């Protein structure tokens, strides 16, 4: 089992205990700590107990999705604490009748409305993605390439579905096979190299990494369409072959340049470092 990392987050000047589960790739937050901030209660533990009772009576499954973990309490001792992942925590926040929770509720309503709009008109999702990337400081050239990579990925997953592969864990395993074949490491190892947790790996690839990843997925799609594999195991072999094509390209580039293609660099940090060199 991967080691769980305990850290503190700061919100409204108060600390929120949280724990990273590397196996599930999820943050778990202390429910009592967040309840204390949003409810303003002088006794957040008692407030959470009453809220739990109300949610249970209403038939909500939210409480059952909380995990009890040992965390350092205010007295410095390790005590059992209700923890919730981000999705469950947002559901709990919706149940807190407090002015402090209203901004979160308005944001959730806005996000829900936008998703409904995108269902009716998928082009809106593409436009929002473009604007979001640009606001985060990515170059327009990188963004256009990233959006193309989304199209490549969608074509691949459609092909997997046609081959009888199940969305979810099987998609993740096949993706991991492609990644290992072209990078020489698993997806989890690749993210660890770049210092990522919940962040999207492709969003943190350099231009060259992104191009090679697209080559790996495109090659996998082309081979799959030609071979017409049946089911997960046959698709896994195809994934390794497709990834190997990009892997060979990576090795050739490294041989010609004398530099490693797969690095801890992220596109934005690399761009900023180059900019600093120019300014100096």
Protein backbone atom coordinates (compact mmCIF):
# COMPACT_ATOMS: atom_id res chain seq x y z
CA UNK A 1 0.00 0.00 0.00
CA UNK A 2 1.31 3.42 -0.94
CA UNK A 3 2.21 5.79 1.85
CA UNK A 4 -0.44 8.29 2.86
CA UNK A 5 0.77 11.85 3.23
CA UNK A 6 -0.75 14.11 5.90
CA UNK A 7 -0.70 17.86 5.31
CA UNK A 8 -2.54 21.02 6.32
CA UNK A 9 -4.46 23.34 4.02
CA UNK A 10 -5.29 26.93 4.92
CA UNK A 11 -8.82 28.25 4.39
CA UNK A 12 -10.16 31.52 5.77
CA UNK A 13 -7.12 31.66 8.06
CA UNK A 14 -7.89 28.26 9.60
CA UNK A 15 -6.15 24.95 9.08
CA UNK A 16 -7.87 22.05 7.36
CA UNK A 17 -6.34 18.64 7.98
CA UNK A 18 -6.07 16.54 4.85
CA UNK A 19 -4.50 13.27 3.80
CA UNK A 20 -3.34 12.13 0.37
CA UNK A 21 -4.08 8.52 -0.59
CA UNK A 22 -1.56 7.64 -3.31
CA UNK A 23 -3.30 4.32 -4.08
CA UNK A 24 -6.63 5.97 -4.90
CA UNK A 25 -5.06 9.30 -5.91
CA UNK A 26 -7.52 11.19 -3.73
CA UNK A 27 -7.30 13.91 -1.08
CA UNK A 28 -9.31 13.25 2.08
CA UNK A 29 -10.30 16.27 4.16
CA UNK A 30 -11.29 16.50 7.81
CA UNK A 31 -15.06 17.02 7.82
CA UNK A 32 -15.05 18.63 11.27
CA UNK A 33 -12.42 21.18 10.23
CA UNK A 34 -14.42 22.29 7.19
CA UNK A 35 -17.67 22.29 9.15
CA UNK A 36 -15.97 24.54 11.73
CA UNK A 37 -15.06 27.10 9.04
CA UNK A 38 -18.37 27.10 7.17
CA UNK A 39 -20.84 26.75 10.03
CA UNK A 40 -19.14 29.11 12.47
CA UNK A 41 -20.24 26.75 15.25
CA UNK A 42 -18.45 26.94 18.60
CA UNK A 43 -18.75 23.16 18.74
CA UNK A 44 -18.14 21.86 15.20
CA UNK A 45 -17.95 18.24 16.35
CA UNK A 46 -21.45 18.42 17.86
CA UNK A 47 -22.65 20.26 14.74
CA UNK A 48 -21.30 17.50 12.50
CA UNK A 49 -22.93 14.79 14.64
CA UNK A 50 -26.34 16.44 14.31
CA UNK A 51 -25.81 16.97 10.59
CA UNK A 52 -24.89 13.29 10.19
CA UNK A 53 -28.09 12.24 11.95
CA UNK A 54 -30.17 14.50 9.68
CA UNK A 55 -28.49 13.18 6.53
CA UNK A 56 -29.07 9.58 7.63
CA UNK A 57 -32.77 10.26 8.26
CA UNK A 58 -33.03 11.84 4.81
CA UNK A 59 -31.63 8.65 3.31
CA UNK A 60 -28.45 10.35 2.08
CA UNK A 61 -25.50 8.05 1.32
CA UNK A 62 -23.05 10.87 2.00
CA UNK A 63 -22.28 9.77 5.56
CA UNK A 64 -21.47 6.21 4.50
CA UNK A 65 -18.89 7.57 2.06
CA UNK A 66 -16.89 9.19 4.87
CA UNK A 67 -13.77 7.37 6.04
CA UNK A 68 -12.61 7.27 9.65
CA UNK A 69 -8.87 7.94 9.84
CA UNK A 70 -6.46 8.80 12.62
CA UNK A 71 -5.31 12.40 12.56
CA UNK A 72 -3.49 14.68 15.00
CA UNK A 73 -6.13 16.49 17.08
CA UNK A 74 -5.92 19.91 18.77
CA UNK A 75 -4.50 18.28 21.90
CA UNK A 76 -1.65 16.78 19.92
CA UNK A 77 -2.95 13.21 20.18
CA UNK A 78 -3.87 10.88 17.34
CA UNK A 79 -7.66 10.59 17.25
CA UNK A 80 -10.17 9.02 14.87
CA UNK A 81 -11.61 11.67 12.55
CA UNK A 82 -14.27 11.58 9.83
CA UNK A 83 -12.60 12.27 6.48
CA UNK A 84 -14.20 12.79 3.07
CA UNK A 85 -12.89 13.04 -0.48
CA UNK A 86 -13.60 16.13 -2.56
CA UNK A 87 -16.85 14.89 -4.10
CA UNK A 88 -18.30 13.80 -0.75
CA UNK A 89 -17.10 16.99 0.91
CA UNK A 90 -18.91 19.14 -1.65
CA UNK A 91 -22.09 17.18 -1.00
CA UNK A 92 -21.74 17.80 2.75
CA UNK A 93 -21.18 21.52 2.11
CA UNK A 94 -24.49 21.63 0.23
CA UNK A 95 -26.19 20.45 3.44
CA UNK A 96 -24.75 23.18 5.67
CA UNK A 97 -27.31 26.00 6.11
CA UNK A 98 -24.83 28.83 6.59
CA UNK A 99 -24.02 32.09 4.75
CA UNK A 100 -20.37 30.95 4.68
CA UNK A 101 -21.36 27.94 2.58
CA UNK A 102 -23.34 29.97 0.03
CA UNK A 103 -20.38 30.81 -2.26
CA UNK A 104 -19.68 27.08 -2.64
CA UNK A 105 -23.34 26.33 -3.34
CA UNK A 106 -23.52 29.08 -5.97
CA UNK A 107 -20.35 27.76 -7.59
CA UNK A 108 -21.72 24.20 -7.66
CA UNK A 109 -24.96 25.43 -9.21
CA UNK A 110 -23.01 27.36 -11.84
CA UNK A 111 -20.83 24.35 -12.70
CA UNK A 112 -23.91 22.15 -12.95
CA UNK A 113 -25.60 24.64 -15.27
CA UNK A 114 -22.50 24.82 -17.48
CA UNK A 115 -22.35 21.02 -17.75
CA UNK A 116 -25.98 20.94 -18.88
CA UNK A 117 -25.20 23.58 -21.50
CA UNK A 118 -22.21 21.55 -22.71
CA UNK A 119 -24.38 18.44 -23.04
CA UNK A 120 -26.64 20.33 -25.42
CA UNK A 121 -23.74 22.04 -27.25
CA UNK A 122 -20.33 20.25 -26.83
CA UNK A 123 -18.56 23.13 -28.59
CA UNK A 124 -19.09 25.21 -25.44
CA UNK A 125 -16.91 22.76 -23.50
CA UNK A 126 -14.10 23.18 -26.05
CA UNK A 127 -14.32 26.97 -25.87
CA UNK A 128 -14.30 26.93 -22.05
CA UNK A 129 -11.30 24.61 -22.04
CA UNK A 130 -9.44 26.95 -24.41
CA UNK A 131 -10.11 29.98 -22.21
CA UNK A 132 -9.17 28.10 -19.04
CA UNK A 133 -5.81 26.99 -20.43
CA UNK A 134 -5.00 30.50 -21.65
CA UNK A 135 -5.87 31.96 -18.24
CA UNK A 136 -3.49 29.47 -16.64
CA UNK A 137 -0.64 30.85 -18.72
CA UNK A 138 -0.30 28.24 -21.46
CA UNK A 139 0.67 29.43 -24.93
CA UNK A 140 -1.95 29.31 -27.67
CA UNK A 141 0.26 26.91 -29.66
CA UNK A 142 0.44 24.49 -26.72
CA UNK A 143 -3.31 24.82 -26.11
CA UNK A 144 -4.13 23.98 -29.74
CA UNK A 145 -1.91 20.93 -29.48
CA UNK A 146 -3.51 19.93 -26.16
CA UNK A 147 -7.00 20.19 -27.64
CA UNK A 148 -5.84 18.02 -30.54
CA UNK A 149 -4.59 15.47 -28.02
CA UNK A 150 -8.10 15.34 -26.52
CA UNK A 151 -9.48 14.49 -29.95
CA UNK A 152 -6.83 11.77 -30.39
CA UNK A 153 -7.68 10.35 -26.97
CA UNK A 154 -11.42 10.31 -27.74
CA UNK A 155 -10.82 8.43 -31.01
CA UNK A 156 -8.78 5.85 -29.06
CA UNK A 157 -11.38 5.34 -26.33
CA UNK A 158 -14.12 4.99 -28.97
CA UNK A 159 -12.04 2.26 -30.58
CA UNK A 160 -11.61 0.53 -27.21
CA UNK A 161 -15.36 0.58 -26.66
CA UNK A 162 -15.88 -0.95 -30.10
CA UNK A 163 -13.41 -3.68 -29.13
CA UNK A 164 -15.39 -4.56 -26.01
CA UNK A 165 -13.13 -2.86 -23.46
CA UNK A 166 -14.91 -1.57 -20.36
CA UNK A 167 -14.63 2.10 -19.46
CA UNK A 168 -13.00 2.72 -16.10
CA UNK A 169 -10.39 0.34 -14.74
CA UNK A 170 -9.77 -1.38 -18.10
CA UNK A 171 -9.28 1.99 -19.85
CA UNK A 172 -6.83 2.94 -17.09
CA UNK A 173 -4.86 -0.30 -17.45
CA UNK A 174 -4.58 0.06 -21.23
CA UNK A 175 -3.49 3.70 -20.83
CA UNK A 176 -0.85 2.52 -18.38
CA UNK A 177 0.37 -0.08 -20.88
CA UNK A 178 0.77 2.61 -23.56
CA UNK A 179 2.58 4.90 -21.14
CA UNK A 180 5.00 2.18 -20.02
CA UNK A 181 5.73 1.23 -23.62
CA UNK A 182 6.74 4.73 -24.71
CA UNK A 183 8.15 6.28 -21.52
CA UNK A 184 9.58 3.23 -19.76
CA UNK A 185 7.58 3.99 -16.62
CA UNK A 186 4.02 3.59 -15.36
CA UNK A 187 1.54 6.45 -15.38
CA UNK A 188 1.87 6.73 -11.60
CA UNK A 189 5.68 6.85 -11.83
CA UNK A 190 5.45 9.46 -14.59
CA UNK A 191 3.21 11.67 -12.43
CA UNK A 192 5.51 11.19 -9.45
CA UNK A 193 8.50 12.30 -11.56
CA UNK A 194 6.67 15.55 -12.33
CA UNK A 195 5.53 16.00 -8.73
CA UNK A 196 1.83 15.63 -9.57
CA UNK A 197 -1.09 14.35 -7.51
CA UNK A 198 -4.57 15.13 -8.84
CA UNK A 199 -3.26 17.30 -11.68
CA UNK A 200 -3.74 16.03 -15.20
CA UNK A 201 -0.54 14.47 -16.54
CA UNK A 202 -1.06 15.72 -20.12
CA UNK A 203 -1.55 19.26 -18.84
CA UNK A 204 1.98 19.09 -17.44
CA UNK A 205 3.76 17.56 -20.42
CA UNK A 206 6.26 19.49 -22.50
CA UNK A 207 5.51 19.96 -26.19
CA UNK A 208 7.68 16.99 -27.14
CA UNK A 209 6.18 14.72 -24.49
CA UNK A 210 2.68 15.64 -25.61
CA UNK A 211 3.52 14.94 -29.27
CA UNK A 212 4.98 11.52 -28.45
CA UNK A 213 2.01 10.66 -26.25
CA UNK A 214 -0.30 11.56 -29.17
CA UNK A 215 1.83 9.38 -31.46
CA UNK A 216 1.51 6.46 -29.03
CA UNK A 217 -2.28 6.79 -28.82
CA UNK A 218 -2.71 7.38 -32.56
CA UNK A 219 -0.57 4.35 -33.39
CA UNK A 220 -2.57 2.24 -30.95
CA UNK A 221 -5.82 3.35 -32.59
CA UNK A 222 -4.53 2.61 -36.10
CA UNK A 223 -3.28 -0.87 -35.15
CA UNK A 224 -6.52 -1.63 -33.33
CA UNK A 225 -8.64 -0.59 -36.30
CA UNK A 226 -6.55 -2.86 -38.56
CA UNK A 227 -6.38 -5.86 -36.19
CA UNK A 228 -9.91 -5.55 -34.75
CA UNK A 229 -9.00 -7.06 -31.34
CA UNK A 230 -11.74 -8.69 -29.30
CA UNK A 231 -11.86 -7.71 -25.66
CA UNK A 232 -9.42 -6.47 -23.06
CA UNK A 233 -6.51 -8.92 -23.37
CA UNK A 234 -6.14 -8.54 -27.14
CA UNK A 235 -6.44 -4.76 -26.79
CA UNK A 236 -3.68 -4.82 -24.17
CA UNK A 237 -1.26 -6.36 -26.67
CA UNK A 238 -2.19 -3.70 -29.22
CA UNK A 239 -1.65 -0.96 -26.62
CA UNK A 240 1.89 -2.18 -25.98
CA UNK A 241 2.65 -2.23 -29.71
CA UNK A 242 1.25 1.26 -30.26
CA UNK A 243 3.15 2.65 -27.30
CA UNK A 244 6.38 0.98 -28.47
CA UNK A 245 6.27 2.94 -31.74
CA UNK A 246 6.42 6.22 -29.79
CA UNK A 247 8.97 4.62 -27.45
CA UNK A 248 11.29 3.94 -30.37
CA UNK A 249 10.84 7.52 -31.58
CA UNK A 250 11.72 8.77 -28.09
CA UNK A 251 14.92 6.71 -28.02
CA UNK A 252 15.97 8.00 -31.44
CA UNK A 253 15.40 11.61 -30.37
CA UNK A 254 17.42 11.05 -27.20
CA UNK A 255 20.22 9.41 -29.22
CA UNK A 256 20.40 12.34 -31.64
CA UNK A 257 20.11 15.13 -29.05
CA UNK A 258 21.88 13.56 -26.10
CA UNK A 259 19.05 14.74 -23.84
CA UNK A 260 16.28 12.87 -22.05
CA UNK A 261 12.78 13.45 -23.41
CA UNK A 262 10.96 12.45 -20.22
CA UNK A 263 11.85 14.90 -17.46
CA UNK A 264 10.38 16.45 -14.36
CA UNK A 265 9.86 19.66 -16.35
CA UNK A 266 6.31 20.93 -16.84
CA UNK A 267 5.48 22.99 -19.91
CA UNK A 268 4.68 26.18 -17.99
CA UNK A 269 7.70 25.99 -15.67
CA UNK A 270 9.96 25.22 -18.65
CA UNK A 271 8.56 28.20 -20.56
CA UNK A 272 9.04 30.51 -17.56
CA UNK A 273 12.61 29.31 -17.06
CA UNK A 274 13.45 30.04 -20.70
CA UNK A 275 11.87 33.48 -20.33
CA UNK A 276 14.03 34.20 -17.28
CA UNK A 277 17.14 33.25 -19.29
CA UNK A 278 16.16 35.74 -22.02
CA UNK A 279 15.54 38.50 -19.48
CA UNK A 280 18.89 37.84 -17.79
